[in-house]
Amino acid sequence: MADDIFIVIATFGVVFVITAAMLQGLITTVDLLRAGFKGRRQSQVMVLLARFIVVPLVLVGLAAIVQLGPTGSGPTGSGPQVDMAVCVIVLTAGPPFIPAIAKLAHGDLPYATSSALMLTVLTWILLPFTLPAALNFLGTGAAVSSSLVAEPLIAFYAIPLVAGLLIRARYPNLAMEIIPHLKTIAIAALLLSVTLYIAASWSEFTSLFLTGALGFALAIPLISLLIGFVLSPPYARRTPAENPHRSSKITSIISTSLQNIGACLVCAFFVLASYPLAGVAILIFALGSIVVTALVMAESGKRYERAMAAATPAQTNPAAAGGKSSS
């Protein structure tokens, strides 16, 4: 990929990361965080356990067992670069659109907002240490230091998020006016960055068809959803529509499944910029997880609506019957 093209792609990517991070801050209020954290300690602990321990151990372990393409020569081979992408994907959590997908499934929106922020902050803290360790464990050959990971995360994600939180707390009316414009900019920047990246790296993209990466792109969200289902209270049990714990369980599952695409792009453009196939694989894995999780949750939301619609007549019929008998 030519340097000029990469700079354009990275610029759009950085614009998305900055605007998405600021949006996450702008939509977050103190009252929403209090409502989200209140009475959900067990669910929060299990989300952290699932997202930062179980999911990485399972998927990094699976990547170590399954050879994702030929090893090539050192870190330039397709196999090591796909392994790099796996490490990034499993270690980045807390996307700002957890509430949007939770809304599809009729999840707990305050809990979704607090969960997204909690996972984002922990990703900032842990990723500079866990990513180099995971890359070394899989023998990718990528020389990545903690500072190389931390510096762009702080500059392009942490600072805009904090700025958004401060603006929302101090100038709520201004925040509400900014949000629609930032949403438009973020979506446009993401689409441009992803489209240009794939077009400019088309040879790397097509080479992924020769590896197990595309199958792994499907496995990542499905395995993560399963882990979230098993470890979210009530554990390993389906929750019917009328169950009061359904909304929090659904939100915990979503939080476990999704990756922080902003942190993923930071890693693709700055941390692993020398490995173009790794960047393409990161995009495929992240977008695949979003699509699969959104589809699963949209279907869950439809089932919830059908169940509630079916339950409503059953609750109102006795009253109607009583009215007819009294007349």
Protein backbone atom coordinates (compact mmCIF):
# COMPACT_ATOMS: atom_id res chain seq x y z
CA MET A 1 0.00 0.00 0.00
CA ALA A 2 1.37 3.43 -0.94
CA ASP A 3 2.23 5.72 1.96
CA ASP A 4 -0.01 8.54 0.68
CA ILE A 5 -3.03 6.24 0.51
CA PHE A 6 -2.33 4.84 3.97
CA ILE A 7 -2.16 8.36 5.42
CA VAL A 8 -5.59 9.17 3.95
CA ILE A 9 -7.06 5.92 5.27
CA ALA A 10 -5.52 6.40 8.70
CA THR A 11 -6.78 9.98 8.82
CA PHE A 12 -10.37 8.88 8.27
CA GLY A 13 -9.84 6.14 10.84
CA VAL A 14 -8.52 8.60 13.42
CA VAL A 15 -11.45 10.94 12.76
CA PHE A 16 -13.81 8.05 13.49
CA VAL A 17 -11.94 7.05 16.66
CA ILE A 18 -11.94 10.62 18.02
CA THR A 19 -15.59 11.34 17.20
CA ALA A 20 -16.78 7.93 18.46
CA ALA A 21 -14.88 8.38 21.72
CA MET A 22 -16.29 11.87 22.21
CA LEU A 23 -19.78 10.58 21.43
CA GLN A 24 -19.41 7.93 24.10
CA GLY A 25 -18.65 10.67 26.59
CA LEU A 26 -21.43 12.95 25.38
CA ILE A 27 -24.15 10.31 25.80
CA THR A 28 -22.97 9.31 29.27
CA THR A 29 -24.42 11.06 32.32
CA VAL A 30 -23.75 10.57 36.01
CA ASP A 31 -27.37 9.52 36.61
CA LEU A 32 -27.16 6.97 33.81
CA LEU A 33 -23.95 5.52 35.25
CA ARG A 34 -25.46 5.30 38.72
CA ALA A 35 -28.53 3.53 37.37
CA GLY A 36 -26.36 1.19 35.34
CA PHE A 37 -24.06 0.17 38.18
CA LYS A 38 -26.71 -0.02 40.89
CA GLY A 39 -27.60 -3.56 41.93
CA ARG A 40 -25.60 -5.26 39.18
CA ARG A 41 -22.33 -6.08 40.92
CA GLN A 42 -22.51 -9.80 40.14
CA SER A 43 -23.27 -9.19 36.47
CA GLN A 44 -20.45 -6.65 36.19
CA VAL A 45 -17.90 -8.98 37.79
CA MET A 46 -18.90 -11.81 35.46
CA VAL A 47 -18.67 -9.56 32.39
CA LEU A 48 -15.13 -8.59 33.38
CA LEU A 49 -14.23 -12.22 34.01
CA ALA A 50 -15.72 -13.31 30.69
CA ARG A 51 -14.40 -10.46 28.55
CA PHE A 52 -10.88 -10.05 29.88
CA ILE A 53 -10.01 -13.60 30.97
CA VAL A 54 -12.21 -16.34 29.51
CA VAL A 55 -12.70 -14.98 25.96
CA PRO A 56 -8.98 -14.17 25.46
CA LEU A 57 -7.86 -17.51 26.90
CA VAL A 58 -10.27 -19.51 24.74
CA LEU A 59 -9.72 -17.65 21.47
CA VAL A 60 -5.96 -17.12 21.79
CA GLY A 61 -5.67 -20.77 22.78
CA LEU A 62 -7.73 -21.77 19.76
CA ALA A 63 -5.56 -19.61 17.49
CA ALA A 64 -2.49 -21.34 18.92
CA ILE A 65 -3.94 -24.74 18.08
CA VAL A 66 -5.45 -23.91 14.69
CA GLN A 67 -2.91 -22.78 12.10
CA LEU A 68 -4.47 -19.74 10.46
CA GLY A 69 -2.59 -19.88 7.16
CA PRO A 70 1.00 -20.68 6.28
CA THR A 71 3.63 -19.38 8.64
CA GLY A 72 5.64 -17.62 5.92
CA SER A 73 8.92 -16.02 6.90
CA GLY A 74 8.68 -14.54 10.38
CA PRO A 75 6.04 -11.90 11.14
CA THR A 76 5.46 -11.15 7.45
CA GLY A 77 3.74 -14.50 6.90
CA SER A 78 -0.04 -14.60 6.65
CA GLY A 79 -0.41 -16.93 9.64
CA PRO A 80 1.44 -14.69 12.13
CA GLN A 81 -0.37 -11.60 10.88
CA VAL A 82 -3.78 -13.20 11.34
CA ASP A 83 -2.66 -14.23 14.83
CA MET A 84 -1.81 -10.56 15.48
CA ALA A 85 -5.36 -9.63 14.52
CA VAL A 86 -6.79 -12.29 16.83
CA CYS A 87 -4.78 -10.84 19.74
CA VAL A 88 -6.08 -7.33 19.06
CA ILE A 89 -9.69 -8.45 18.71
CA VAL A 90 -9.90 -10.53 21.89
CA LEU A 91 -8.20 -7.90 24.06
CA THR A 92 -10.18 -4.77 23.05
CA ALA A 93 -13.54 -4.32 24.75
CA GLY A 94 -16.15 -1.63 25.34
CA PRO A 95 -17.44 -0.31 22.01
CA PRO A 96 -19.60 2.81 22.36
CA PHE A 97 -22.50 1.20 20.47
CA ILE A 98 -23.26 -1.46 23.12
CA PRO A 99 -26.40 0.56 24.08
CA ALA A 100 -27.55 0.66 20.44
CA ILE A 101 -27.36 -3.12 20.06
CA ALA A 102 -28.86 -3.61 23.53
CA LYS A 103 -31.80 -1.52 22.37
CA LEU A 104 -32.34 -3.95 19.46
CA ALA A 105 -32.68 -6.80 21.93
CA HIS A 106 -34.66 -4.82 24.53
CA GLY A 107 -31.71 -4.94 26.91
CA ASP A 108 -30.90 -2.77 29.91
CA LEU A 109 -29.81 0.60 28.47
CA PRO A 110 -28.37 2.19 31.64
CA TYR A 111 -26.40 -0.99 32.31
CA ALA A 112 -25.27 -1.05 28.66
CA THR A 113 -23.93 2.51 28.95
CA SER A 114 -22.08 1.85 32.21
CA SER A 115 -20.75 -1.46 30.90
CA ALA A 116 -19.38 0.17 27.74
CA LEU A 117 -17.55 2.82 29.75
CA MET A 118 -16.21 0.32 32.28
CA LEU A 119 -14.86 -1.99 29.58
CA THR A 120 -13.38 0.93 27.62
CA VAL A 121 -11.42 2.25 30.61
CA LEU A 122 -10.12 -1.22 31.45
CA THR A 123 -9.07 -1.71 27.83
CA TRP A 124 -6.94 1.45 28.06
CA ILE A 125 -5.31 0.17 31.24
CA LEU A 126 -4.76 -3.46 30.25
CA LEU A 127 -4.10 -3.42 26.49
CA PRO A 128 -0.58 -1.91 26.65
CA PHE A 129 0.46 -4.89 28.77
CA THR A 130 -1.72 -7.74 27.50
CA LEU A 131 -1.25 -7.15 23.76
CA PRO A 132 2.57 -7.49 23.72
CA ALA A 133 2.26 -10.59 25.93
CA ALA A 134 -0.34 -12.21 23.65
CA LEU A 135 1.66 -11.42 20.49
CA ASN A 136 4.71 -13.00 22.09
CA PHE A 137 2.74 -16.05 23.27
CA LEU A 138 1.53 -16.80 19.75
CA GLY A 139 5.02 -16.30 18.37
CA THR A 140 3.97 -13.66 15.85
CA GLY A 141 7.37 -11.97 15.81
CA ALA A 142 5.82 -8.50 16.12
CA ALA A 143 7.95 -6.20 18.26
CA VAL A 144 5.38 -4.16 20.19
CA SER A 145 6.11 -2.18 23.33
CA SER A 146 3.63 -1.01 25.95
CA SER A 147 4.29 2.64 25.11
CA LEU A 148 3.60 2.01 21.41
CA VAL A 149 0.13 0.77 22.38
CA ALA A 150 -0.60 3.27 25.14
CA GLU A 151 0.35 6.54 23.43
CA PRO A 152 -2.16 6.48 20.52
CA LEU A 153 -4.88 5.11 22.81
CA ILE A 154 -4.44 8.07 25.14
CA ALA A 155 -4.14 10.65 22.37
CA PHE A 156 -6.98 9.52 20.10
CA TYR A 157 -9.37 7.74 22.48
CA ALA A 158 -8.92 8.60 26.15
CA ILE A 159 -8.63 12.38 25.77
CA PRO A 160 -11.69 12.77 23.46
CA LEU A 161 -13.76 10.53 25.75
CA VAL A 162 -12.86 12.56 28.82
CA ALA A 163 -13.61 15.75 26.88
CA GLY A 164 -17.04 14.38 25.96
CA LEU A 165 -17.78 13.46 29.58
CA LEU A 166 -16.81 16.93 30.76
CA ILE A 167 -18.88 18.67 28.08
CA ARG A 168 -21.93 16.56 28.94
CA ALA A 169 -21.54 17.26 32.65
CA ARG A 170 -20.90 21.00 32.26
CA TYR A 171 -22.86 21.94 29.13
CA PRO A 172 -25.64 19.35 28.62
CA ASN A 173 -27.56 21.45 26.09
CA LEU A 174 -24.46 21.91 23.94
CA ALA A 175 -23.79 18.18 24.18
CA MET A 176 -27.25 17.35 22.86
CA GLU A 177 -26.72 19.70 19.91
CA ILE A 178 -23.34 18.19 19.05
CA ILE A 179 -24.35 14.52 19.21
CA PRO A 180 -26.26 14.27 15.86
CA HIS A 181 -23.44 15.97 13.94
CA LEU A 182 -20.76 13.79 15.50
CA LYS A 183 -22.77 10.66 14.70
CA THR A 184 -22.86 11.63 11.03
CA ILE A 185 -19.13 12.38 10.97
CA ALA A 186 -18.25 9.15 12.79
CA ILE A 187 -20.30 6.91 10.50
CA ALA A 188 -19.01 8.59 7.34
CA ALA A 189 -15.39 8.45 8.51
CA LEU A 190 -15.68 4.76 9.45
CA LEU A 191 -17.25 3.80 6.12
CA LEU A 192 -14.61 5.72 4.17
CA SER A 193 -11.74 4.32 6.19
CA VAL A 194 -12.91 0.70 5.99
CA THR A 195 -13.82 0.89 2.28
CA LEU A 196 -10.54 2.53 1.29
CA TYR A 197 -8.53 0.17 3.49
CA ILE A 198 -10.04 -2.93 1.92
CA ALA A 199 -9.75 -1.50 -1.62
CA ALA A 200 -6.12 -0.51 -1.13
CA SER A 201 -5.32 -3.86 0.51
CA TRP A 202 -7.35 -5.99 -1.88
CA SER A 203 -4.55 -8.49 -2.47
CA GLU A 204 -4.19 -9.01 1.29
CA PHE A 205 -7.96 -9.26 1.62
CA THR A 206 -8.25 -11.97 -1.04
CA SER A 207 -5.31 -13.84 0.49
CA LEU A 208 -7.37 -14.32 3.64
CA PHE A 209 -9.60 -16.70 1.68
CA LEU A 210 -6.64 -19.07 1.58
CA THR A 211 -6.39 -19.11 5.37
CA GLY A 212 -8.79 -20.07 8.13
CA ALA A 213 -9.33 -16.40 8.96
CA LEU A 214 -12.84 -16.12 7.53
CA GLY A 215 -14.01 -19.11 9.52
CA PHE A 216 -12.38 -17.62 12.58
CA ALA A 217 -14.20 -14.34 11.90
CA LEU A 218 -17.46 -16.24 12.41
CA ALA A 219 -16.15 -18.27 15.34
CA ILE A 220 -15.08 -15.21 17.36
CA PRO A 221 -18.56 -13.70 17.91
CA LEU A 222 -20.30 -17.07 18.24
CA ILE A 223 -17.86 -18.33 20.88
CA SER A 224 -17.98 -14.97 22.67
CA LEU A 225 -21.80 -14.98 22.67
CA LEU A 226 -21.77 -18.51 24.10
CA ILE A 227 -19.32 -17.55 26.84
CA GLY A 228 -21.43 -14.51 27.66
CA PHE A 229 -24.56 -16.66 27.84
CA VAL A 230 -22.94 -19.21 30.16
CA LEU A 231 -21.28 -16.72 32.51
CA SER A 232 -24.05 -14.09 32.73
CA PRO A 233 -26.53 -14.48 35.62
CA PRO A 234 -28.67 -16.55 35.64
CA TYR A 235 -25.82 -18.80 34.52
CA ALA A 236 -26.20 -20.99 31.42
CA ARG A 237 -30.01 -20.57 31.45
CA ARG A 238 -32.40 -19.00 29.03
CA THR A 239 -34.43 -16.12 30.39
CA PRO A 240 -38.01 -15.81 29.12
CA ALA A 241 -39.42 -12.42 28.21
CA GLU A 242 -41.16 -11.96 31.55
CA ASN A 243 -38.01 -12.75 33.57
CA PRO A 244 -36.80 -9.56 35.34
CA HIS A 245 -33.16 -10.59 34.77
CA ARG A 246 -33.52 -10.92 31.00
CA SER A 247 -32.51 -7.36 30.11
CA SER A 248 -29.34 -7.42 32.20
CA LYS A 249 -28.36 -10.87 30.92
CA ILE A 250 -28.82 -9.79 27.31
CA THR A 251 -26.68 -6.70 27.94
CA SER A 252 -23.96 -8.78 29.58
CA ILE A 253 -23.89 -11.12 26.57
CA ILE A 254 -23.55 -8.19 24.18
CA SER A 255 -20.78 -6.66 26.28
CA THR A 256 -18.89 -9.96 26.20
CA SER A 257 -19.24 -10.42 22.45
CA LEU A 258 -18.29 -7.03 21.01
CA GLN A 259 -14.89 -5.47 20.44
CA ASN A 260 -13.92 -1.83 20.75
CA ILE A 261 -13.53 -0.97 17.07
CA GLY A 262 -11.89 2.35 17.94
CA ALA A 263 -9.10 0.59 19.84
CA CYS A 264 -8.90 -1.96 17.00
CA LEU A 265 -8.33 0.78 14.44
CA VAL A 266 -5.69 2.42 16.64
CA CYS A 267 -3.84 -0.89 16.74
CA ALA A 268 -4.22 -1.42 12.98
CA PHE A 269 -3.02 2.07 12.02
CA PHE A 270 -0.34 2.72 14.63
CA VAL A 271 0.69 -0.41 16.53
CA LEU A 272 0.70 -2.90 13.64
CA ALA A 273 1.01 -0.50 10.71
CA SER A 274 3.88 -2.54 9.25
CA TYR A 275 1.65 -5.58 8.85
CA PRO A 276 -1.09 -4.80 6.27
CA LEU A 277 -2.67 -8.25 6.39
CA ALA A 278 -3.05 -7.93 10.16
CA GLY A 279 -4.91 -4.64 9.66
CA VAL A 280 -7.29 -6.16 7.12
CA ALA A 281 -7.91 -9.15 9.38
CA ILE A 282 -8.61 -6.83 12.33
CA LEU A 283 -11.27 -5.03 10.27
CA ILE A 284 -12.86 -8.29 9.11
CA PHE A 285 -12.93 -9.73 12.62
CA ALA A 286 -14.32 -6.53 14.19
CA LEU A 287 -16.99 -5.92 11.55
CA GLY A 288 -17.91 -9.62 11.54
CA SER A 289 -18.47 -9.53 15.29
CA ILE A 290 -20.65 -6.43 15.01
CA VAL A 291 -22.79 -7.93 12.24
CA VAL A 292 -23.21 -11.36 13.87
CA THR A 293 -23.96 -9.92 17.31
CA ALA A 294 -26.42 -7.37 15.89
CA LEU A 295 -28.27 -10.06 13.92
CA VAL A 296 -28.48 -12.39 16.92
CA MET A 297 -29.71 -9.59 19.17
CA ALA A 298 -32.19 -8.29 16.61
CA GLU A 299 -33.68 -11.78 16.46
CA SER A 300 -33.74 -11.92 20.27
CA GLY A 301 -35.56 -8.61 20.29
CA LYS A 302 -38.15 -9.88 17.81
CA ARG A 303 -38.76 -12.97 19.94
CA TYR A 304 -39.17 -10.78 23.00
CA GLU A 305 -41.75 -8.63 21.20
CA ARG A 306 -43.68 -11.70 20.04
CA ALA A 307 -43.63 -13.19 23.54
CA MET A 308 -44.87 -9.96 25.12
CA ALA A 309 -47.56 -9.54 22.47
CA ALA A 310 -48.74 -13.10 23.08
CA ALA A 311 -48.76 -12.57 26.84
CA THR A 312 -50.82 -9.35 26.72
CA PRO A 313 -54.14 -10.95 25.62
CA ALA A 314 -53.70 -13.64 28.22
CA GLN A 315 -53.50 -10.99 30.91
CA THR A 316 -56.43 -8.92 29.67
CA ASN A 317 -58.85 -11.73 28.77
CA PRO A 318 -59.89 -12.52 32.38
CA ALA A 319 -60.96 -8.93 32.91
CA ALA A 320 -62.87 -8.93 29.66
CA ALA A 321 -64.51 -12.20 30.56
CA GLY A 322 -65.46 -10.83 33.96
CA GLY A 323 -67.05 -7.80 32.32
CA LYS A 324 -69.15 -9.96 30.04
CA SER A 325 -70.35 -12.18 32.88
CA SER A 326 -71.37 -9.22 35.04
CA SER A 327 -73.40 -7.75 32.21
